[in-house]
Amino acid sequence: MILEHAVLPVLPGREAEFETAFSQARSIIAAMPGFRSLALRRSLESPNLYLLLVEWETLEDHTEGFRGSPQYDEWRALLHEFYDPFPVVEHYVDVLTAS
């Protein structure tokens, strides 16, 4: 399992509009092969910052499958206008977990 991590800096004042657009975009990514789960969280200290966490089966499911698909164009059209600056996306693997 791969965890995609991105801090999404949404333009101040457009948070509600972003959340509406994201609720539409969620179904796009959830339908992709290799998608496992998604969480979107909003910062309490900086309300225009969101944390996106997406679990994928493999790195390639995200970087080649999703980003190389026509569905990514839909995702981009819905969401990318809200970011300034554009988010940095990184991928993580488990090292240690506890519950």
PDB file of N, CA and C in Angstrom:
ATOM      1  N   MET A   1       0.833  -1.170   0.000  1.00  0.00           N
ATOM      2  CA  MET A   1       0.000   0.000   0.000  1.00  0.00           C
ATOM      3  C   MET A   1       0.881   1.239   0.000  1.00  0.00           C
ATOM      4  N   ILE A   2       0.477   2.227  -0.785  1.00  0.00           N
ATOM      5  CA  ILE A   2       1.173   3.507  -0.887  1.00  0.00           C
ATOM      6  C   ILE A   2       0.242   4.596  -0.367  1.00  0.00           C
ATOM      7  N   LEU A   3       0.775   5.516   0.415  1.00  0.00           N
ATOM      8  CA  LEU A   3      -0.005   6.647   0.903  1.00  0.00           C
ATOM      9  C   LEU A   3       0.452   7.909   0.175  1.00  0.00           C
ATOM     10  N   GLU A   4      -0.464   8.502  -0.549  1.00  0.00           N
ATOM     11  CA  GLU A   4      -0.221   9.803  -1.197  1.00  0.00           C
ATOM     12  C   GLU A   4      -0.550  10.882  -0.172  1.00  0.00           C
ATOM     13  N   HIS A   5       0.331  11.873  -0.063  1.00  0.00           N
ATOM     14  CA  HIS A   5       0.174  12.963   0.894  1.00  0.00           C
ATOM     15  C   HIS A   5       0.322  14.281   0.144  1.00  0.00           C
ATOM     16  N   ALA A   6      -0.648  15.176   0.307  1.00  0.00           N
ATOM     17  CA  ALA A   6      -0.542  16.503  -0.296  1.00  0.00           C
ATOM     18  C   ALA A   6      -1.195  17.519   0.624  1.00  0.00           C
ATOM     19  N   VAL A   7      -0.500  18.613   0.880  1.00  0.00           N
ATOM     20  CA  VAL A   7      -1.086  19.752   1.574  1.00  0.00           C
ATOM     21  C   VAL A   7      -1.600  20.674   0.476  1.00  0.00           C
ATOM     22  N   LEU A   8      -2.906  20.951   0.524  1.00  0.00           N
ATOM     23  CA  LEU A   8      -3.558  21.731  -0.523  1.00  0.00           C
ATOM     24  C   LEU A   8      -3.788  23.158  -0.032  1.00  0.00           C
ATOM     25  N   PRO A   9      -3.017  24.122  -0.547  1.00  0.00           N
ATOM     26  CA  PRO A   9      -3.204  25.521  -0.149  1.00  0.00           C
ATOM     27  C   PRO A   9      -4.298  26.161  -1.011  1.00  0.00           C
ATOM     28  N   VAL A  10      -5.488  26.265  -0.462  1.00  0.00           N
ATOM     29  CA  VAL A  10      -6.633  26.809  -1.189  1.00  0.00           C
ATOM     30  C   VAL A  10      -6.633  28.329  -1.044  1.00  0.00           C
ATOM     31  N   LEU A  11      -6.966  28.995  -2.129  1.00  0.00           N
ATOM     32  CA  LEU A  11      -7.031  30.454  -2.087  1.00  0.00           C
ATOM     33  C   LEU A  11      -7.988  30.904  -0.982  1.00  0.00           C
ATOM     34  N   PRO A  12      -7.538  31.796  -0.092  1.00  0.00           N
ATOM     35  CA  PRO A  12      -8.391  32.254   1.006  1.00  0.00           C
ATOM     36  C   PRO A  12      -9.714  32.814   0.475  1.00  0.00           C
ATOM     37  N   GLY A  13     -10.790  32.443   1.159  1.00  0.00           N
ATOM     38  CA  GLY A  13     -12.116  32.879   0.771  1.00  0.00           C
ATOM     39  C   GLY A  13     -12.824  31.937  -0.188  1.00  0.00           C
ATOM     40  N   ARG A  14     -12.093  30.933  -0.696  1.00  0.00           N
ATOM     41  CA  ARG A  14     -12.689  29.989  -1.655  1.00  0.00           C
ATOM     42  C   ARG A  14     -12.828  28.580  -1.068  1.00  0.00           C
ATOM     43  N   GLU A  15     -12.714  28.476   0.251  1.00  0.00           N
ATOM     44  CA  GLU A  15     -12.749  27.167   0.901  1.00  0.00           C
ATOM     45  C   GLU A  15     -14.066  26.433   0.654  1.00  0.00           C
ATOM     46  N   ALA A  16     -15.202  27.102   0.819  1.00  0.00           N
ATOM     47  CA  ALA A  16     -16.501  26.442   0.631  1.00  0.00           C
ATOM     48  C   ALA A  16     -16.669  25.985  -0.813  1.00  0.00           C
ATOM     49  N   GLU A  17     -16.264  26.809  -1.733  1.00  0.00           N
ATOM     50  CA  GLU A  17     -16.327  26.460  -3.159  1.00  0.00           C
ATOM     51  C   GLU A  17     -15.433  25.251  -3.459  1.00  0.00           C
ATOM     52  N   PHE A  18     -14.239  25.231  -2.863  1.00  0.00           N
ATOM     53  CA  PHE A  18     -13.326  24.100  -3.029  1.00  0.00           C
ATOM     54  C   PHE A  18     -13.950  22.824  -2.477  1.00  0.00           C
ATOM     55  N   GLU A  19     -14.520  22.889  -1.292  1.00  0.00           N
ATOM     56  CA  GLU A  19     -15.111  21.699  -0.692  1.00  0.00           C
ATOM     57  C   GLU A  19     -16.261  21.151  -1.543  1.00  0.00           C
ATOM     58  N   THR A  20     -17.038  22.015  -2.140  1.00  0.00           N
ATOM     59  CA  THR A  20     -18.107  21.578  -3.044  1.00  0.00           C
ATOM     60  C   THR A  20     -17.520  20.881  -4.265  1.00  0.00           C
ATOM     61  N   ALA A  21     -16.495  21.486  -4.854  1.00  0.00           N
ATOM     62  CA  ALA A  21     -15.851  20.891  -6.026  1.00  0.00           C
ATOM     63  C   ALA A  21     -15.203  19.557  -5.667  1.00  0.00           C
ATOM     64  N   PHE A  22     -14.593  19.497  -4.476  1.00  0.00           N
ATOM     65  CA  PHE A  22     -13.937  18.257  -4.071  1.00  0.00           C
ATOM     66  C   PHE A  22     -14.951  17.141  -3.882  1.00  0.00           C
ATOM     67  N   SER A  23     -16.128  17.462  -3.386  1.00  0.00           N
ATOM     68  CA  SER A  23     -17.143  16.427  -3.210  1.00  0.00           C
ATOM     69  C   SER A  23     -17.535  15.822  -4.556  1.00  0.00           C
ATOM     70  N   GLN A  24     -17.463  16.594  -5.624  1.00  0.00           N
ATOM     71  CA  GLN A  24     -17.704  16.066  -6.974  1.00  0.00           C
ATOM     72  C   GLN A  24     -16.496  15.263  -7.460  1.00  0.00           C
ATOM     73  N   ALA A  25     -15.314  15.751  -7.199  1.00  0.00           N
ATOM     74  CA  ALA A  25     -14.085  15.110  -7.678  1.00  0.00           C
ATOM     75  C   ALA A  25     -13.823  13.779  -6.976  1.00  0.00           C
ATOM     76  N   ARG A  26     -14.318  13.641  -5.775  1.00  0.00           N
ATOM     77  CA  ARG A  26     -14.073  12.416  -4.993  1.00  0.00           C
ATOM     78  C   ARG A  26     -14.503  11.164  -5.746  1.00  0.00           C
ATOM     79  N   SER A  27     -15.633  11.218  -6.428  1.00  0.00           N
ATOM     80  CA  SER A  27     -16.111  10.026  -7.138  1.00  0.00           C
ATOM     81  C   SER A  27     -15.220   9.674  -8.324  1.00  0.00           C
ATOM     82  N   ILE A  28     -14.542  10.664  -8.881  1.00  0.00           N
ATOM     83  CA  ILE A  28     -13.625  10.410 -10.004  1.00  0.00           C
ATOM     84  C   ILE A  28     -12.462   9.549  -9.539  1.00  0.00           C
ATOM     85  N   ILE A  29     -11.807   9.970  -8.473  1.00  0.00           N
ATOM     86  CA  ILE A  29     -10.630   9.243  -7.994  1.00  0.00           C
ATOM     87  C   ILE A  29     -11.022   7.895  -7.392  1.00  0.00           C
ATOM     88  N   ALA A  30     -12.173   7.845  -6.729  1.00  0.00           N
ATOM     89  CA  ALA A  30     -12.601   6.602  -6.084  1.00  0.00           C
ATOM     90  C   ALA A  30     -12.884   5.493  -7.088  1.00  0.00           C
ATOM     91  N   ALA A  31     -13.148   5.843  -8.333  1.00  0.00           N
ATOM     92  CA  ALA A  31     -13.444   4.850  -9.368  1.00  0.00           C
ATOM     93  C   ALA A  31     -12.192   4.328 -10.069  1.00  0.00           C
ATOM     94  N   MET A  32     -11.029   4.844  -9.709  1.00  0.00           N
ATOM     95  CA  MET A  32      -9.796   4.466 -10.401  1.00  0.00           C
ATOM     96  C   MET A  32      -9.256   3.125  -9.910  1.00  0.00           C
ATOM     97  N   PRO A  33      -8.700   2.327 -10.827  1.00  0.00           N
ATOM     98  CA  PRO A  33      -8.069   1.073 -10.412  1.00  0.00           C
ATOM     99  C   PRO A  33      -6.938   1.341  -9.412  1.00  0.00           C
ATOM    100  N   GLY A  34      -6.879   0.541  -8.369  1.00  0.00           N
ATOM    101  CA  GLY A  34      -5.836   0.680  -7.360  1.00  0.00           C
ATOM    102  C   GLY A  34      -6.183   1.629  -6.227  1.00  0.00           C
ATOM    103  N   PHE A  35      -7.269   2.385  -6.357  1.00  0.00           N
ATOM    104  CA  PHE A  35      -7.692   3.292  -5.287  1.00  0.00           C
ATOM    105  C   PHE A  35      -8.174   2.470  -4.098  1.00  0.00           C
ATOM    106  N   ARG A  36      -7.747   2.855  -2.885  1.00  0.00           N
ATOM    107  CA  ARG A  36      -8.185   2.163  -1.668  1.00  0.00           C
ATOM    108  C   ARG A  36      -9.020   3.051  -0.767  1.00  0.00           C
ATOM    109  N   SER A  37      -8.559   4.276  -0.500  1.00  0.00           N
ATOM    110  CA  SER A  37      -9.318   5.163   0.386  1.00  0.00           C
ATOM    111  C   SER A  37      -8.817   6.590   0.223  1.00  0.00           C
ATOM    112  N   LEU A  38      -9.612   7.508   0.753  1.00  0.00           N
ATOM    113  CA  LEU A  38      -9.279   8.925   0.662  1.00  0.00           C
ATOM    114  C   LEU A  38      -9.745   9.613   1.935  1.00  0.00           C
ATOM    115  N   ALA A  39      -8.958  10.571   2.404  1.00  0.00           N
ATOM    116  CA  ALA A  39      -9.357  11.439   3.511  1.00  0.00           C
ATOM    117  C   ALA A  39      -8.935  12.860   3.157  1.00  0.00           C
ATOM    118  N   LEU A  40      -9.833  13.806   3.371  1.00  0.00           N
ATOM    119  CA  LEU A  40      -9.531  15.222   3.203  1.00  0.00           C
ATOM    120  C   LEU A  40      -9.781  15.884   4.540  1.00  0.00           C
ATOM    121  N   ARG A  41      -8.757  16.551   5.062  1.00  0.00           N
ATOM    122  CA  ARG A  41      -8.861  17.202   6.369  1.00  0.00           C
ATOM    123  C   ARG A  41      -8.503  18.674   6.228  1.00  0.00           C
ATOM    124  N   ARG A  42      -9.172  19.499   7.034  1.00  0.00           N
ATOM    125  CA  ARG A  42      -8.934  20.945   7.011  1.00  0.00           C
ATOM    126  C   ARG A  42      -8.194  21.366   8.272  1.00  0.00           C
ATOM    127  N   SER A  43      -7.224  22.258   8.095  1.00  0.00           N
ATOM    128  CA  SER A  43      -6.433  22.743   9.222  1.00  0.00           C
ATOM    129  C   SER A  43      -7.263  23.655  10.118  1.00  0.00           C
ATOM    130  N   LEU A  44      -7.119  23.481  11.417  1.00  0.00           N
ATOM    131  CA  LEU A  44      -7.766  24.380  12.368  1.00  0.00           C
ATOM    132  C   LEU A  44      -7.014  25.702  12.473  1.00  0.00           C
ATOM    133  N   GLU A  45      -5.693  25.630  12.404  1.00  0.00           N
ATOM    134  CA  GLU A  45      -4.886  26.839  12.552  1.00  0.00           C
ATOM    135  C   GLU A  45      -4.852  27.693  11.279  1.00  0.00           C
ATOM    136  N   SER A  46      -4.901  27.051  10.133  1.00  0.00           N
ATOM    137  CA  SER A  46      -4.856  27.744   8.838  1.00  0.00           C
ATOM    138  C   SER A  46      -6.006  27.203   7.988  1.00  0.00           C
ATOM    139  N   PRO A  47      -7.203  27.771   8.110  1.00  0.00           N
ATOM    140  CA  PRO A  47      -8.395  27.185   7.502  1.00  0.00           C
ATOM    141  C   PRO A  47      -8.376  27.068   5.980  1.00  0.00           C
ATOM    142  N   ASN A  48      -7.415  27.669   5.328  1.00  0.00           N
ATOM    143  CA  ASN A  48      -7.334  27.507   3.870  1.00  0.00           C
ATOM    144  C   ASN A  48      -6.398  26.354   3.474  1.00  0.00           C
ATOM    145  N   LEU A  49      -5.823  25.650   4.456  1.00  0.00           N
ATOM    146  CA  LEU A  49      -4.961  24.504   4.166  1.00  0.00           C
ATOM    147  C   LEU A  49      -5.717  23.201   4.414  1.00  0.00           C
ATOM    148  N   TYR A  50      -5.601  22.306   3.453  1.00  0.00           N
ATOM    149  CA  TYR A  50      -6.240  20.989   3.543  1.00  0.00           C
ATOM    150  C   TYR A  50      -5.171  19.919   3.397  1.00  0.00           C
ATOM    151  N   LEU A  51      -5.364  18.830   4.084  1.00  0.00           N
ATOM    152  CA  LEU A  51      -4.483  17.676   3.975  1.00  0.00           C
ATOM    153  C   LEU A  51      -5.231  16.587   3.225  1.00  0.00           C
ATOM    154  N   LEU A  52      -4.677  16.165   2.104  1.00  0.00           N
ATOM    155  CA  LEU A  52      -5.250  15.085   1.313  1.00  0.00           C
ATOM    156  C   LEU A  52      -4.401  13.843   1.507  1.00  0.00           C
ATOM    157  N   LEU A  53      -5.045  12.757   1.915  1.00  0.00           N
ATOM    158  CA  LEU A  53      -4.387  11.469   2.076  1.00  0.00           C
ATOM    159  C   LEU A  53      -5.153  10.452   1.231  1.00  0.00           C
ATOM    160  N   VAL A  54      -4.455   9.827   0.292  1.00  0.00           N
ATOM    161  CA  VAL A  54      -5.076   8.831  -0.573  1.00  0.00           C
ATOM    162  C   VAL A  54      -4.241   7.564  -0.502  1.00  0.00           C
ATOM    163  N   GLU A  55      -4.906   6.451  -0.259  1.00  0.00           N
ATOM    164  CA  GLU A  55      -4.228   5.159  -0.267  1.00  0.00           C
ATOM    165  C   GLU A  55      -4.421   4.513  -1.633  1.00  0.00           C
ATOM    166  N   TRP A  56      -3.292   4.038  -2.189  1.00  0.00           N
ATOM    167  CA  TRP A  56      -3.272   3.339  -3.475  1.00  0.00           C
ATOM    168  C   TRP A  56      -2.647   1.967  -3.277  1.00  0.00           C
ATOM    169  N   GLU A  57      -3.027   1.036  -4.124  1.00  0.00           N
ATOM    170  CA  GLU A  57      -2.405  -0.290  -4.097  1.00  0.00           C
ATOM    171  C   GLU A  57      -0.918  -0.185  -4.443  1.00  0.00           C
ATOM    172  N   THR A  58      -0.593   0.561  -5.516  1.00  0.00           N
ATOM    173  CA  THR A  58       0.795   0.726  -5.955  1.00  0.00           C
ATOM    174  C   THR A  58       1.049   2.186  -6.309  1.00  0.00           C
ATOM    175  N   LEU A  59       2.295   2.560  -6.356  1.00  0.00           N
ATOM    176  CA  LEU A  59       2.672   3.906  -6.779  1.00  0.00           C
ATOM    177  C   LEU A  59       2.188   4.167  -8.203  1.00  0.00           C
ATOM    178  N   GLU A  60       2.332   3.169  -9.067  1.00  0.00           N
ATOM    179  CA  GLU A  60       1.949   3.325 -10.466  1.00  0.00           C
ATOM    180  C   GLU A  60       0.443   3.518 -10.645  1.00  0.00           C
ATOM    181  N   ASP A  61      -0.364   2.981  -9.723  1.00  0.00           N
ATOM    182  CA  ASP A  61      -1.806   3.221  -9.798  1.00  0.00           C
ATOM    183  C   ASP A  61      -2.096   4.719  -9.746  1.00  0.00           C
ATOM    184  N   HIS A  62      -1.296   5.445  -8.984  1.00  0.00           N
ATOM    185  CA  HIS A  62      -1.487   6.893  -8.911  1.00  0.00           C
ATOM    186  C   HIS A  62      -0.753   7.622 -10.035  1.00  0.00           C
ATOM    187  N   THR A  63       0.551   7.391 -10.124  1.00  0.00           N
ATOM    188  CA  THR A  63       1.377   8.209 -11.017  1.00  0.00           C
ATOM    189  C   THR A  63       1.143   7.927 -12.495  1.00  0.00           C
ATOM    190  N   GLU A  64       0.850   6.686 -12.848  1.00  0.00           N
ATOM    191  CA  GLU A  64       0.627   6.347 -14.251  1.00  0.00           C
ATOM    192  C   GLU A  64      -0.856   6.147 -14.541  1.00  0.00           C
ATOM    193  N   GLY A  65      -1.532   5.357 -13.695  1.00  0.00           N
ATOM    194  CA  GLY A  65      -2.933   5.051 -13.937  1.00  0.00           C
ATOM    195  C   GLY A  65      -3.824   6.275 -13.833  1.00  0.00           C
ATOM    196  N   PHE A  66      -3.868   6.896 -12.650  1.00  0.00           N
ATOM    197  CA  PHE A  66      -4.742   8.048 -12.444  1.00  0.00           C
ATOM    198  C   PHE A  66      -4.251   9.273 -13.215  1.00  0.00           C
ATOM    199  N   ARG A  67      -3.006   9.647 -13.007  1.00  0.00           N
ATOM    200  CA  ARG A  67      -2.511  10.869 -13.659  1.00  0.00           C
ATOM    201  C   ARG A  67      -2.436  10.752 -15.174  1.00  0.00           C
ATOM    202  N   GLY A  68      -2.376   9.548 -15.697  1.00  0.00           N
ATOM    203  CA  GLY A  68      -2.331   9.360 -17.143  1.00  0.00           C
ATOM    204  C   GLY A  68      -3.691   9.132 -17.765  1.00  0.00           C
ATOM    205  N   SER A  69      -4.743   9.244 -16.983  1.00  0.00           N
ATOM    206  CA  SER A  69      -6.088   8.914 -17.464  1.00  0.00           C
ATOM    207  C   SER A  69      -6.868  10.162 -17.887  1.00  0.00           C
ATOM    208  N   PRO A  70      -7.897   9.986 -18.713  1.00  0.00           N
ATOM    209  CA  PRO A  70      -8.794  11.098 -19.042  1.00  0.00           C
ATOM    210  C   PRO A  70      -9.529  11.615 -17.802  1.00  0.00           C
ATOM    211  N   GLN A  71      -9.732  10.747 -16.807  1.00  0.00           N
ATOM    212  CA  GLN A  71     -10.399  11.168 -15.577  1.00  0.00           C
ATOM    213  C   GLN A  71      -9.578  12.203 -14.814  1.00  0.00           C
ATOM    214  N   TYR A  72      -8.249  12.126 -14.959  1.00  0.00           N
ATOM    215  CA  TYR A  72      -7.409  13.121 -14.295  1.00  0.00           C
ATOM    216  C   TYR A  72      -7.669  14.516 -14.858  1.00  0.00           C
ATOM    217  N   ASP A  73      -7.972  14.594 -16.153  1.00  0.00           N
ATOM    218  CA  ASP A  73      -8.316  15.888 -16.744  1.00  0.00           C
ATOM    219  C   ASP A  73      -9.571  16.472 -16.094  1.00  0.00           C
ATOM    220  N   GLU A  74     -10.537  15.627 -15.777  1.00  0.00           N
ATOM    221  CA  GLU A  74     -11.746  16.076 -15.078  1.00  0.00           C
ATOM    222  C   GLU A  74     -11.407  16.556 -13.669  1.00  0.00           C
ATOM    223  N   TRP A  75     -10.589  15.772 -12.962  1.00  0.00           N
ATOM    224  CA  TRP A  75     -10.128  16.123 -11.614  1.00  0.00           C
ATOM    225  C   TRP A  75      -9.441  17.489 -11.629  1.00  0.00           C
ATOM    226  N   ARG A  76      -8.522  17.644 -12.570  1.00  0.00           N
ATOM    227  CA  ARG A  76      -7.773  18.893 -12.693  1.00  0.00           C
ATOM    228  C   ARG A  76      -8.709  20.071 -12.969  1.00  0.00           C
ATOM    229  N   ALA A  77      -9.679  19.882 -13.866  1.00  0.00           N
ATOM    230  CA  ALA A  77     -10.615  20.952 -14.207  1.00  0.00           C
ATOM    231  C   ALA A  77     -11.454  21.379 -13.001  1.00  0.00           C
ATOM    232  N   LEU A  78     -11.789  20.427 -12.141  1.00  0.00           N
ATOM    233  CA  LEU A  78     -12.591  20.741 -10.958  1.00  0.00           C
ATOM    234  C   LEU A  78     -11.795  21.425  -9.852  1.00  0.00           C
ATOM    235  N   LEU A  79     -10.509  21.062  -9.688  1.00  0.00           N
ATOM    236  CA  LEU A  79      -9.791  21.451  -8.466  1.00  0.00           C
ATOM    237  C   LEU A  79      -8.599  22.379  -8.621  1.00  0.00           C
ATOM    238  N   HIS A  80      -7.891  22.301  -9.711  1.00  0.00           N
ATOM    239  CA  HIS A  80      -6.596  22.980  -9.765  1.00  0.00           C
ATOM    240  C   HIS A  80      -6.676  24.499  -9.722  1.00  0.00           C
ATOM    241  N   GLU A  81      -7.801  25.089 -10.047  1.00  0.00           N
ATOM    242  CA  GLU A  81      -7.926  26.548  -9.991  1.00  0.00           C
ATOM    243  C   GLU A  81      -7.902  27.094  -8.567  1.00  0.00           C
ATOM    244  N   PHE A  82      -8.093  26.224  -7.576  1.00  0.00           N
ATOM    245  CA  PHE A  82      -8.178  26.667  -6.185  1.00  0.00           C
ATOM    246  C   PHE A  82      -6.825  26.783  -5.495  1.00  0.00           C
ATOM    247  N   TYR A  83      -5.759  26.244  -6.083  1.00  0.00           N
ATOM    248  CA  TYR A  83      -4.481  26.135  -5.384  1.00  0.00           C
ATOM    249  C   TYR A  83      -3.541  27.301  -5.694  1.00  0.00           C
ATOM    250  N   ASP A  84      -2.923  27.810  -4.630  1.00  0.00           N
ATOM    251  CA  ASP A  84      -1.854  28.785  -4.786  1.00  0.00           C
ATOM    252  C   ASP A  84      -0.997  28.764  -3.526  1.00  0.00           C
ATOM    253  N   PRO A  85       0.232  28.235  -3.641  1.00  0.00           N
ATOM    254  CA  PRO A  85       0.869  27.657  -4.827  1.00  0.00           C
ATOM    255  C   PRO A  85       0.334  26.244  -5.084  1.00  0.00           C
ATOM    256  N   PHE A  86       0.791  25.654  -6.183  1.00  0.00           N
ATOM    257  CA  PHE A  86       0.359  24.303  -6.510  1.00  0.00           C
ATOM    258  C   PHE A  86       0.933  23.336  -5.478  1.00  0.00           C
ATOM    259  N   PRO A  87       0.143  22.364  -5.021  1.00  0.00           N
ATOM    260  CA  PRO A  87       0.606  21.451  -3.969  1.00  0.00           C
ATOM    261  C   PRO A  87       1.749  20.543  -4.405  1.00  0.00           C
ATOM    262  N   VAL A  88       2.571  20.203  -3.427  1.00  0.00           N
ATOM    263  CA  VAL A  88       3.592  19.181  -3.607  1.00  0.00           C
ATOM    264  C   VAL A  88       2.979  17.864  -3.161  1.00  0.00           C
ATOM    265  N   VAL A  89       3.083  16.854  -4.004  1.00  0.00           N
ATOM    266  CA  VAL A  89       2.534  15.534  -3.696  1.00  0.00           C
ATOM    267  C   VAL A  89       3.695  14.584  -3.444  1.00  0.00           C
ATOM    268  N   GLU A  90       3.618  13.835  -2.334  1.00  0.00           N
ATOM    269  CA  GLU A  90       4.646  12.859  -1.998  1.00  0.00           C
ATOM    270  C   GLU A  90       3.969  11.537  -1.672  1.00  0.00           C
ATOM    271  N   HIS A  91       4.749  10.461  -1.778  1.00  0.00           N
ATOM    272  CA  HIS A  91       4.228   9.121  -1.542  1.00  0.00           C
ATOM    273  C   HIS A  91       5.016   8.456  -0.418  1.00  0.00           C
ATOM    274  N   TYR A  92       4.301   7.714   0.433  1.00  0.00           N
ATOM    275  CA  TYR A  92       4.899   7.111   1.616  1.00  0.00           C
ATOM    276  C   TYR A  92       4.554   5.625   1.685  1.00  0.00           C
ATOM    277  N   VAL A  93       5.440   4.865   2.330  1.00  0.00           N
ATOM    278  CA  VAL A  93       5.190   3.462   2.647  1.00  0.00           C
ATOM    279  C   VAL A  93       5.272   3.309   4.166  1.00  0.00           C
ATOM    280  N   ASP A  94       4.582   2.306   4.677  1.00  0.00           N
ATOM    281  CA  ASP A  94       4.587   2.047   6.128  1.00  0.00           C
ATOM    282  C   ASP A  94       5.973   1.628   6.595  1.00  0.00           C
ATOM    283  N   VAL A  95       6.368   2.165   7.708  1.00  0.00           N
ATOM    284  CA  VAL A  95       7.581   1.749   8.407  1.00  0.00           C
ATOM    285  C   VAL A  95       7.186   1.124   9.739  1.00  0.00           C
ATOM    286  N   LEU A  96       6.290   1.796  10.447  1.00  0.00           N
ATOM    287  CA  LEU A  96       5.846   1.335  11.750  1.00  0.00           C
ATOM    288  C   LEU A  96       4.426   1.819  11.951  1.00  0.00           C
ATOM    289  N   THR A  97       3.562   0.969  12.443  1.00  0.00           N
ATOM    290  CA  THR A  97       2.189   1.367  12.746  1.00  0.00           C
ATOM    291  C   THR A  97       1.828   0.883  14.144  1.00  0.00           C
ATOM    292  N   ALA A  98       0.853   1.535  14.734  1.00  0.00           N
ATOM    293  CA  ALA A  98       0.341   1.140  16.051  1.00  0.00           C
ATOM    294  C   ALA A  98      -1.138   1.484  16.092  1.00  0.00           C
ATOM    295  N   SER A  99      -1.866   0.764  16.930  1.00  0.00           N
ATOM    296  CA  SER A  99      -3.279   1.111  17.126  1.00  0.00           C
ATOM    297  C   SER A  99      -3.677   0.936  18.572  1.00  0.00           C
TER     298      SER A  99
END
